[in-house]
Amino acid sequence: QASSRVEGIREDIEARRNSGAATALQTQVRGRQATQRVEALKQKRQDDAATLLQARARQRQASFRTEGIKEEREQNNAATVLQSRVRGRQAAMETASMIEDRKQ
């Protein structure tokens, strides 16, 4: 009976060791999984930040293009006004010249 009790105690001790080792392994695995989740969240934040920066850069480029187009239109309008004035002066000069020719 004594050897049977000793054997039972040994088995109980071994089972507790195995259970402790299993618990330690489970804790390690959970720790690794938590670390992986944290790293995945960090990566997602970095990706989101990069996407936001790219969107802002595209908005700036579009804004610059829009401003460039506006400036170009304003310059074209100014050039058209100047051309109209020049044509008007030429027409006035031609008219004055024709009137002068008729007087003679």
C-alpha atoms as a PDB file:
ATOM      1  CA  GLN A   1       0.000   0.000   0.000  1.00  0.00           C
ATOM      2  CA  ALA A   2       2.773   2.439   0.822  1.00  0.00           C
ATOM      3  CA  SER A   3       4.430   1.949  -2.531  1.00  0.00           C
ATOM      4  CA  SER A   4       1.044   2.404  -4.173  1.00  0.00           C
ATOM      5  CA  ARG A   5       0.544   5.675  -2.290  1.00  0.00           C
ATOM      6  CA  VAL A   6       4.061   6.820  -3.190  1.00  0.00           C
ATOM      7  CA  GLU A   7       3.400   5.976  -6.833  1.00  0.00           C
ATOM      8  CA  GLY A   8       0.117   7.892  -6.702  1.00  0.00           C
ATOM      9  CA  ILE A   9       1.876  10.903  -5.213  1.00  0.00           C
ATOM     10  CA  ARG A  10       4.561  10.722  -7.924  1.00  0.00           C
ATOM     11  CA  GLU A  11       1.903  10.588 -10.615  1.00  0.00           C
ATOM     12  CA  ASP A  12       0.107  13.529  -9.019  1.00  0.00           C
ATOM     13  CA  ILE A  13       3.368  15.520  -8.918  1.00  0.00           C
ATOM     14  CA  GLU A  14       4.090  14.642 -12.561  1.00  0.00           C
ATOM     15  CA  ALA A  15       0.572  15.624 -13.608  1.00  0.00           C
ATOM     16  CA  ARG A  16       0.955  18.958 -11.815  1.00  0.00           C
ATOM     17  CA  ARG A  17       4.302  19.544 -13.530  1.00  0.00           C
ATOM     18  CA  ASN A  18       2.759  18.747 -16.893  1.00  0.00           C
ATOM     19  CA  SER A  19      -0.203  20.987 -16.130  1.00  0.00           C
ATOM     20  CA  GLY A  20       2.142  23.802 -15.091  1.00  0.00           C
ATOM     21  CA  ALA A  21       4.197  23.360 -18.251  1.00  0.00           C
ATOM     22  CA  ALA A  22       1.031  23.375 -20.353  1.00  0.00           C
ATOM     23  CA  THR A  23      -0.178  26.527 -18.613  1.00  0.00           C
ATOM     24  CA  ALA A  24       3.184  28.197 -19.202  1.00  0.00           C
ATOM     25  CA  LEU A  25       3.032  27.250 -22.883  1.00  0.00           C
ATOM     26  CA  GLN A  26      -0.506  28.571 -23.160  1.00  0.00           C
ATOM     27  CA  THR A  27       0.592  31.832 -21.533  1.00  0.00           C
ATOM     28  CA  GLN A  28       3.491  32.130 -23.999  1.00  0.00           C
ATOM     29  CA  VAL A  29       1.194  31.449 -26.935  1.00  0.00           C
ATOM     30  CA  ARG A  30      -1.329  34.027 -25.721  1.00  0.00           C
ATOM     31  CA  GLY A  31       1.486  36.529 -25.254  1.00  0.00           C
ATOM     32  CA  ARG A  32       2.730  35.952 -28.787  1.00  0.00           C
ATOM     33  CA  GLN A  33      -0.793  36.259 -30.173  1.00  0.00           C
ATOM     34  CA  ALA A  34      -1.307  39.525 -28.303  1.00  0.00           C
ATOM     35  CA  THR A  35       2.010  40.833 -29.638  1.00  0.00           C
ATOM     36  CA  GLN A  36       0.993  39.870 -33.172  1.00  0.00           C
ATOM     37  CA  ARG A  37      -2.354  41.676 -32.766  1.00  0.00           C
ATOM     38  CA  VAL A  38      -0.579  44.791 -31.493  1.00  0.00           C
ATOM     39  CA  GLU A  39       1.868  44.687 -34.418  1.00  0.00           C
ATOM     40  CA  ALA A  40      -1.011  44.228 -36.870  1.00  0.00           C
ATOM     41  CA  LEU A  41      -2.791  47.252 -35.388  1.00  0.00           C
ATOM     42  CA  LYS A  42       0.404  49.330 -35.607  1.00  0.00           C
ATOM     43  CA  GLN A  43       0.824  48.312 -39.251  1.00  0.00           C
ATOM     44  CA  LYS A  44      -2.807  49.189 -39.981  1.00  0.00           C
ATOM     45  CA  ARG A  45      -2.345  52.628 -38.404  1.00  0.00           C
ATOM     46  CA  GLN A  46       0.781  53.188 -40.478  1.00  0.00           C
ATOM     47  CA  ASP A  47      -1.032  52.079 -43.627  1.00  0.00           C
ATOM     48  CA  ASP A  48      -3.980  54.340 -42.798  1.00  0.00           C
ATOM     49  CA  ALA A  49      -1.619  57.268 -42.182  1.00  0.00           C
ATOM     50  CA  ALA A  50       0.160  56.617 -45.479  1.00  0.00           C
ATOM     51  CA  THR A  51      -3.167  56.441 -47.317  1.00  0.00           C
ATOM     52  CA  LEU A  52      -4.250  59.715 -45.713  1.00  0.00           C
ATOM     53  CA  LEU A  53      -0.984  61.398 -46.717  1.00  0.00           C
ATOM     54  CA  GLN A  54      -1.373  60.155 -50.277  1.00  0.00           C
ATOM     55  CA  ALA A  55      -4.942  61.485 -50.402  1.00  0.00           C
ATOM     56  CA  ARG A  56      -3.784  64.861 -49.118  1.00  0.00           C
ATOM     57  CA  ALA A  57      -0.994  64.952 -51.688  1.00  0.00           C
ATOM     58  CA  ARG A  58      -3.494  64.192 -54.462  1.00  0.00           C
ATOM     59  CA  GLN A  59      -5.773  66.971 -53.178  1.00  0.00           C
ATOM     60  CA  ARG A  60      -2.864  69.424 -53.205  1.00  0.00           C
ATOM     61  CA  GLN A  61      -1.901  68.412 -56.734  1.00  0.00           C
ATOM     62  CA  ALA A  62      -5.502  68.845 -57.884  1.00  0.00           C
ATOM     63  CA  SER A  63      -5.627  72.233 -56.176  1.00  0.00           C
ATOM     64  CA  PHE A  64      -2.402  73.312 -57.888  1.00  0.00           C
ATOM     65  CA  ARG A  65      -3.758  72.140 -61.248  1.00  0.00           C
ATOM     66  CA  THR A  66      -6.997  74.030 -60.656  1.00  0.00           C
ATOM     67  CA  GLU A  67      -5.097  77.188 -59.726  1.00  0.00           C
ATOM     68  CA  GLY A  68      -2.914  76.779 -62.812  1.00  0.00           C
ATOM     69  CA  ILE A  69      -5.961  76.439 -65.026  1.00  0.00           C
ATOM     70  CA  LYS A  70      -7.558  79.527 -63.438  1.00  0.00           C
ATOM     71  CA  GLU A  71      -4.387  81.562 -63.962  1.00  0.00           C
ATOM     72  CA  GLU A  72      -4.122  80.372 -67.550  1.00  0.00           C
ATOM     73  CA  ARG A  73      -7.742  81.360 -68.209  1.00  0.00           C
ATOM     74  CA  GLU A  74      -7.185  84.780 -66.654  1.00  0.00           C
ATOM     75  CA  GLN A  75      -4.099  85.302 -68.814  1.00  0.00           C
ATOM     76  CA  ASN A  76      -5.996  84.183 -71.906  1.00  0.00           C
ATOM     77  CA  ASN A  77      -8.856  86.534 -71.053  1.00  0.00           C
ATOM     78  CA  ALA A  78      -6.431  89.412 -70.537  1.00  0.00           C
ATOM     79  CA  ALA A  79      -4.729  88.618 -73.841  1.00  0.00           C
ATOM     80  CA  THR A  80      -8.091  88.535 -75.605  1.00  0.00           C
ATOM     81  CA  VAL A  81      -9.024  91.935 -74.140  1.00  0.00           C
ATOM     82  CA  LEU A  82      -5.689  93.370 -75.250  1.00  0.00           C
ATOM     83  CA  GLN A  83      -6.111  91.920 -78.731  1.00  0.00           C
ATOM     84  CA  SER A  84      -9.608  93.437 -78.948  1.00  0.00           C
ATOM     85  CA  ARG A  85      -8.252  96.842 -77.910  1.00  0.00           C
ATOM     86  CA  VAL A  86      -5.467  96.637 -80.486  1.00  0.00           C
ATOM     87  CA  ARG A  87      -7.963  95.708 -83.210  1.00  0.00           C
ATOM     88  CA  GLY A  88     -10.218  98.561 -82.110  1.00  0.00           C
ATOM     89  CA  ARG A  89      -7.346 101.042 -82.306  1.00  0.00           C
ATOM     90  CA  GLN A  90      -6.339  99.697 -85.711  1.00  0.00           C
ATOM     91  CA  ALA A  91      -9.903 100.023 -86.932  1.00  0.00           C
ATOM     92  CA  ALA A  92     -10.110 103.569 -85.545  1.00  0.00           C
ATOM     93  CA  MET A  93      -6.841 104.486 -87.234  1.00  0.00           C
ATOM     94  CA  GLU A  94      -8.016 102.984 -90.536  1.00  0.00           C
ATOM     95  CA  THR A  95     -11.314 104.850 -90.256  1.00  0.00           C
ATOM     96  CA  ALA A  96      -9.507 108.106 -89.500  1.00  0.00           C
ATOM     97  CA  SER A  97      -7.206 107.486 -92.444  1.00  0.00           C
ATOM     98  CA  MET A  98     -10.152 106.821 -94.759  1.00  0.00           C
ATOM     99  CA  ILE A  99     -11.885 109.993 -93.579  1.00  0.00           C
ATOM    100  CA  GLU A 100      -8.682 111.936 -94.153  1.00  0.00           C
ATOM    101  CA  ASP A 101      -8.353 110.451 -97.658  1.00  0.00           C
ATOM    102  CA  ARG A 102     -11.920 111.501 -98.537  1.00  0.00           C
ATOM    103  CA  LYS A 103     -11.274 115.056 -97.396  1.00  0.00           C
ATOM    104  CA  GLN A 104      -8.432 115.379 -99.833  1.00  0.00           C
END
